[in-house]
C-alpha cells in the first residue's frame, strides 16, 4: 500500500514507541524472579514487537529504540516496583492508542492493534503479583498514622515549647516510640488474621514507613531556627508526601487519586490545626514559659 509521507512519519513514531517498550519489558522480565510475572512481561514484550513489525510493513524502515526511555522506565521499575513502572508507561501509551483510532480507515491492522492494546495488555497487567503491593495496606497504615499523629504533635509542640531543638527532640522520641508500637501492633493484627501476608514483613513495612515519615517531618526543626517556619515546612512536606504516595497508589493499583489525597490531607491538616490550638490553650492557661 502506498501511504503519504505524513502518515509514514506518524507510523515511524509508533514503531519507535513499540520497539522501545519491547526492550523495556524484555529487560524487566530478565530481572524478575517470579516465573509467572516473568512470563507475563515476556508476553507483552512479544506483543509490542509484533506491533512494531505491523507498522514496519508500511514504512519499510527499521527504527532504533529510545535508549533514554528504556533506562528511565527500567530504573523507575527497579526503584518503585515493576508494577508501578509498567503501568506508568502504559498510561503514556493512551495518547498513542488515540492516534491509532485515526488510522482504522486507512490501515486495516490498526483495529487489531487497538484491540490488543486495550484488552490483552490490560488483562495481563492485572495478573501481575508484587510483594510491595500486597503490603500496601501496611504502608498506608504507617504513613497515615505518622502524618496524622506527628503533624498534630509537632503543631502542638511548636506553640507549647517554641524551641526548634527541643521540639525536634520531643518529636523524635514520640515518633520513634510510635513507630515501634505501630510495627508491633501490625505484627499482632496480621498474625491474628487469615491472610497470605507475612506478619513480620507487614510489621516491618508499617514500622519503616512510619519511621521514614517521622524523620522527614522532623527534618526542618533540625535545620531551621524559626519554629513557625519549621512548622510551615513540615506541613508542606506532609502535603507533598501524601500527594506522592497517593499518586503511586493510583498508578500501581488503579485507585482514584483526588478523593484519597483530599481525605488524607484534610485529616492531617485538620488535626495539626486542632493540636496547634490545644498548644496555645495549654501555654496560656498553664502559664508555661520555656
Protein backbone atom coordinates (compact mmCIF):
# COMPACT_ATOMS: atom_id res chain seq x y z
CA UNK A 1 0.00 0.00 0.00
CA UNK A 2 1.27 3.46 -0.87
CA UNK A 3 0.99 5.83 2.08
CA UNK A 4 1.53 9.58 2.35
CA UNK A 5 4.76 10.97 3.78
CA UNK A 6 2.82 12.46 6.71
CA UNK A 7 1.31 9.07 7.59
CA UNK A 8 4.70 7.40 7.19
CA UNK A 9 6.27 9.80 9.72
CA UNK A 10 3.46 9.06 12.17
CA UNK A 11 3.95 5.31 11.77
CA UNK A 12 7.68 5.69 12.38
CA UNK A 13 6.87 7.34 15.72
CA UNK A 14 4.59 4.40 16.56
CA UNK A 15 7.36 2.00 15.57
CA UNK A 16 9.82 3.72 17.89
CA UNK A 17 7.37 3.52 20.79
CA UNK A 18 6.63 -0.16 20.21
CA UNK A 19 10.27 -1.27 19.86
CA UNK A 20 11.25 0.82 22.89
CA UNK A 21 8.58 -0.80 25.04
CA UNK A 22 9.56 -4.22 23.70
CA UNK A 23 13.07 -3.67 25.07
CA UNK A 24 11.76 -2.29 28.38
CA UNK A 25 9.52 -5.32 29.03
CA UNK A 26 12.27 -7.73 27.93
CA UNK A 27 14.81 -6.06 30.23
CA UNK A 28 12.40 -6.14 33.19
CA UNK A 29 11.43 -9.78 32.58
CA UNK A 30 15.09 -10.80 32.93
CA UNK A 31 15.28 -9.20 36.40
CA UNK A 32 12.11 -10.74 37.84
CA UNK A 33 12.42 -13.95 39.84
CA UNK A 34 8.74 -14.94 39.97
CA UNK A 35 8.14 -17.17 36.89
CA UNK A 36 4.52 -16.08 36.36
CA UNK A 37 5.41 -12.37 36.40
CA UNK A 38 8.33 -13.06 34.06
CA UNK A 39 6.05 -14.89 31.62
CA UNK A 40 3.51 -12.05 31.62
CA UNK A 41 6.12 -9.41 30.83
CA UNK A 42 7.67 -11.60 28.12
CA UNK A 43 4.23 -11.99 26.51
CA UNK A 44 3.70 -8.23 26.48
CA UNK A 45 7.21 -7.72 25.07
CA UNK A 46 6.44 -10.14 22.25
CA UNK A 47 3.18 -8.33 21.55
CA UNK A 48 4.97 -4.97 21.33
CA UNK A 49 7.42 -6.49 18.85
CA UNK A 50 4.55 -7.76 16.71
CA UNK A 51 3.05 -4.25 16.66
CA UNK A 52 6.43 -2.88 15.61
CA UNK A 53 6.54 -5.26 12.62
CA UNK A 54 2.95 -4.37 11.75
CA UNK A 55 3.89 -0.71 11.29
CA UNK A 56 7.14 -1.66 9.57
CA UNK A 57 5.28 -3.39 6.72
CA UNK A 58 4.05 0.08 5.75
CA UNK A 59 7.15 2.20 6.43
CA UNK A 60 9.68 -0.32 5.06
CA UNK A 61 12.18 1.07 7.56
CA UNK A 62 13.78 -0.10 10.80
CA UNK A 63 13.76 2.25 13.79
CA UNK A 64 16.10 2.31 16.78
CA UNK A 65 14.56 2.28 20.28
CA UNK A 66 14.84 5.25 22.65
CA UNK A 67 17.72 4.41 25.00
CA UNK A 68 16.63 7.19 27.35
CA UNK A 69 13.11 5.77 27.76
CA UNK A 70 14.42 2.23 28.21
CA UNK A 71 16.66 3.21 31.12
CA UNK A 72 14.13 5.68 32.53
CA UNK A 73 11.35 3.12 32.95
CA UNK A 74 13.79 0.35 33.85
CA UNK A 75 15.10 2.26 36.85
CA UNK A 76 11.67 3.58 37.84
CA UNK A 77 10.53 -0.06 37.89
CA UNK A 78 13.56 -1.20 39.86
CA UNK A 79 13.18 1.54 42.50
CA UNK A 80 9.40 1.82 42.84
CA UNK A 81 8.37 -1.67 41.75
CA UNK A 82 7.83 -3.15 38.30
CA UNK A 83 4.02 -2.90 38.57
CA UNK A 84 4.23 0.87 39.07
CA UNK A 85 6.81 1.22 36.29
CA UNK A 86 4.92 -0.69 33.60
CA UNK A 87 1.55 0.85 34.48
CA UNK A 88 3.07 4.33 34.39
CA UNK A 89 4.45 3.52 30.95
CA UNK A 90 1.09 2.16 29.78
CA UNK A 91 -0.56 5.41 30.87
CA UNK A 92 1.74 7.20 28.46
CA UNK A 93 0.52 4.85 25.71
CA UNK A 94 -3.05 6.13 25.97
CA UNK A 95 -2.26 9.07 23.65
CA UNK A 96 -0.76 6.67 21.12
CA UNK A 97 -3.88 4.49 21.21
CA UNK A 98 -5.98 7.57 20.49
CA UNK A 99 -3.81 8.18 17.42
CA UNK A 100 -4.27 4.56 16.35
CA UNK A 101 -8.02 5.19 16.20
CA UNK A 102 -7.45 7.69 13.41
CA UNK A 103 -5.73 5.02 11.30
CA UNK A 104 -8.55 2.47 11.28
CA UNK A 105 -9.96 3.71 7.97
CA UNK A 106 -6.52 3.73 6.33
CA UNK A 107 -4.71 0.71 7.78
CA UNK A 108 -6.75 -2.47 8.38
CA UNK A 109 -4.35 -3.84 11.04
CA UNK A 110 -4.77 -0.73 13.22
CA UNK A 111 -8.03 -2.06 14.69
CA UNK A 112 -6.35 -5.31 15.79
CA UNK A 113 -3.50 -3.34 17.41
CA UNK A 114 -6.00 -1.17 19.30
CA UNK A 115 -7.90 -4.24 20.50
CA UNK A 116 -4.74 -5.91 21.76
CA UNK A 117 -3.52 -2.74 23.48
CA UNK A 118 -6.85 -2.21 25.23
CA UNK A 119 -7.68 -5.80 26.17
CA UNK A 120 -4.74 -8.16 26.16
CA UNK A 121 -2.15 -5.96 27.86
CA UNK A 122 -4.64 -4.63 30.40
CA UNK A 123 -5.67 -8.17 31.32
CA UNK A 124 -2.05 -9.28 31.63
CA UNK A 125 -1.06 -6.31 33.79
CA UNK A 126 -3.86 -7.15 36.22
CA UNK A 127 -2.28 -10.57 36.73
CA UNK A 128 0.99 -9.10 37.97
CA UNK A 129 1.65 -10.03 41.59
CA UNK A 130 4.21 -7.99 43.52
CA UNK A 131 5.09 -8.21 47.20
CA UNK A 132 5.19 -4.43 47.64
CA UNK A 133 1.56 -4.14 46.58
CA UNK A 134 0.42 -6.97 48.85
CA UNK A 135 1.71 -4.92 51.78
CA UNK A 136 0.30 -1.60 50.60
CA UNK A 137 -2.25 -1.68 53.43
CA UNK A 138 0.58 -1.88 55.95
CA UNK A 139 2.39 1.00 54.27
CA UNK A 140 -0.79 3.11 54.21
CA UNK A 141 -1.29 2.39 57.92
CA UNK A 142 2.24 3.52 58.80
CA UNK A 143 2.16 6.57 56.55
CA UNK A 144 -1.30 7.73 57.54
CA UNK A 145 -0.72 7.35 61.27
CA UNK A 146 2.67 9.09 61.10
CA UNK A 147 1.26 12.02 59.15
CA UNK A 148 -1.83 12.44 61.30
CA UNK A 149 -0.18 11.86 64.69
CA UNK A 150 3.14 13.60 64.15
CA UNK A 151 1.91 16.68 62.27
CA UNK A 152 -0.55 17.14 65.12
CA UNK A 153 2.10 16.57 67.77
CA UNK A 154 4.61 18.90 66.10
CA UNK A 155 1.97 21.63 65.68
CA UNK A 156 1.11 21.43 69.38
CA UNK A 157 4.76 21.24 70.45
CA UNK A 158 5.69 24.20 68.25
CA UNK A 159 3.46 26.61 70.13
CA UNK A 160 3.93 24.96 73.54
CA UNK A 161 7.75 24.72 73.50
CA UNK A 162 8.84 27.37 70.96
CA UNK A 163 12.33 25.90 70.67
CA UNK A 164 13.30 24.05 67.47
CA UNK A 165 15.85 21.69 69.06
CA UNK A 166 13.54 20.81 71.95
CA UNK A 167 10.64 20.27 69.52
CA UNK A 168 12.85 18.02 67.36
CA UNK A 169 13.99 16.00 70.40
CA UNK A 170 10.47 15.57 71.77
CA UNK A 171 9.04 14.80 68.34
CA UNK A 172 11.78 12.25 67.61
CA UNK A 173 11.21 10.37 70.85
CA UNK A 174 7.45 10.41 70.27
CA UNK A 175 7.80 9.34 66.64
CA UNK A 176 10.30 6.50 67.20
CA UNK A 177 8.26 5.09 70.08
CA UNK A 178 5.10 5.30 67.96
CA UNK A 179 6.84 3.59 65.01
CA UNK A 180 7.87 0.64 67.19
CA UNK A 181 4.38 0.48 68.67
CA UNK A 182 2.72 0.56 65.23
CA UNK A 183 5.05 -2.16 63.95
CA UNK A 184 4.26 -4.40 66.91
CA UNK A 185 0.51 -3.79 66.55
CA UNK A 186 0.62 -4.63 62.83
CA UNK A 187 2.53 -7.83 63.58
CA UNK A 188 -0.09 -8.98 66.10
CA UNK A 189 -3.09 -7.99 63.96
CA UNK A 190 -1.68 -9.65 60.81
CA UNK A 191 -0.84 -12.79 62.75
CA UNK A 192 -4.41 -12.98 64.02
CA UNK A 193 -5.88 -12.62 60.51
CA UNK A 194 -6.27 -15.31 57.88
CA UNK A 195 -4.10 -13.72 55.21
CA UNK A 196 -1.23 -14.55 52.86
CA UNK A 197 0.78 -11.65 54.30
CA UNK A 198 3.77 -12.48 56.47
CA UNK A 199 3.24 -10.84 59.92
CA UNK A 200 6.91 -9.91 60.31
CA UNK A 201 7.12 -8.33 56.85
CA UNK A 202 3.85 -6.48 57.43
CA UNK A 203 5.20 -5.05 60.70
CA UNK A 204 8.46 -4.02 59.01
CA UNK A 205 6.61 -2.24 56.18
CA UNK A 206 4.43 -0.40 58.72
CA UNK A 207 7.24 0.49 61.11
CA UNK A 208 9.75 1.57 58.46
CA UNK A 209 7.17 3.69 56.59
CA UNK A 210 6.22 5.36 59.87
CA UNK A 211 9.85 5.97 60.85
CA UNK A 212 10.88 7.43 57.48
CA UNK A 213 7.88 9.76 57.55
CA UNK A 214 8.80 10.85 61.09
CA UNK A 215 12.38 11.68 60.07
CA UNK A 216 11.21 13.72 57.07
CA UNK A 217 8.69 15.71 59.13
CA UNK A 218 11.19 16.49 61.89
CA UNK A 219 14.00 17.47 59.49
CA UNK A 220 13.03 21.20 59.24
CA UNK A 221 13.38 21.56 63.03
CA UNK A 222 16.96 20.25 62.80
CA UNK A 223 17.94 22.69 60.05
CA UNK A 224 16.00 25.93 60.58
CA UNK A 225 15.80 28.27 63.59
CA UNK A 226 12.37 29.89 63.24
CA UNK A 227 9.87 27.42 64.72
CA UNK A 228 6.89 28.83 62.80
CA UNK A 229 8.81 28.46 59.55
CA UNK A 230 9.69 24.90 60.61
CA UNK A 231 6.02 24.12 61.16
CA UNK A 232 5.13 25.56 57.76
CA UNK A 233 7.82 23.42 56.09
CA UNK A 234 6.63 20.33 57.95
CA UNK A 235 3.03 20.84 56.84
CA UNK A 236 4.19 21.41 53.25
CA UNK A 237 6.24 18.20 53.44
CA UNK A 238 3.19 16.34 54.71
CA UNK A 239 1.12 17.51 51.72
CA UNK A 240 3.89 16.52 49.28
CA UNK A 241 4.29 13.08 50.89
CA UNK A 242 0.53 12.50 50.75
CA UNK A 243 0.42 13.58 47.09
CA UNK A 244 3.37 11.39 46.04
CA UNK A 245 2.15 8.32 47.91
CA UNK A 246 -1.39 8.62 46.59
CA UNK A 247 -0.06 9.10 43.07
CA UNK A 248 1.92 5.88 43.48
CA UNK A 249 -1.19 4.03 44.69
CA UNK A 250 -3.35 5.50 41.91
CA UNK A 251 -0.93 4.24 39.24
CA UNK A 252 0.12 0.89 40.71
CA UNK A 253 -3.33 -0.15 41.95
CA UNK A 254 -5.65 1.81 39.62
CA UNK A 255 -7.16 3.76 42.52
CA UNK A 256 -8.66 7.26 42.25
CA UNK A 257 -6.17 9.97 43.25
CA UNK A 258 -8.26 13.02 44.11
CA UNK A 259 -10.58 11.65 46.79
CA UNK A 260 -7.86 9.77 48.69
CA UNK A 261 -5.49 12.75 48.56
CA UNK A 262 -8.09 15.24 49.85
CA UNK A 263 -9.14 12.84 52.60
CA UNK A 264 -5.62 12.27 53.93
CA UNK A 265 -4.55 15.90 53.52
CA UNK A 266 -7.68 17.23 55.21
CA UNK A 267 -7.28 14.83 58.13
CA UNK A 268 -3.61 15.66 58.68
CA UNK A 269 -4.02 19.44 58.40
CA UNK A 270 -7.22 19.43 60.48
CA UNK A 271 -5.59 17.58 63.36
CA UNK A 272 -2.50 19.81 63.10
CA UNK A 273 -4.67 22.93 63.38
CA UNK A 274 -6.55 21.49 66.36
CA UNK A 275 -3.29 20.47 68.09
CA UNK A 276 -1.84 23.93 67.48
CA UNK A 277 -4.89 25.40 69.21
CA UNK A 278 -4.50 22.97 72.13
CA UNK A 279 -0.85 24.01 72.48
CA UNK A 280 -1.92 27.64 72.57
CA UNK A 281 -4.51 26.95 75.30
CA UNK A 282 -2.11 24.93 77.45
CA UNK A 283 0.63 27.54 77.20
CA UNK A 284 -1.82 30.32 78.01
CA UNK A 285 -3.78 28.77 80.89
CA UNK A 286 -0.98 26.77 82.49
CA UNK A 287 1.38 29.77 82.24
CA UNK A 288 4.23 27.63 80.90
CA UNK A 289 7.20 29.55 79.57
CA UNK A 290 10.17 27.60 78.22
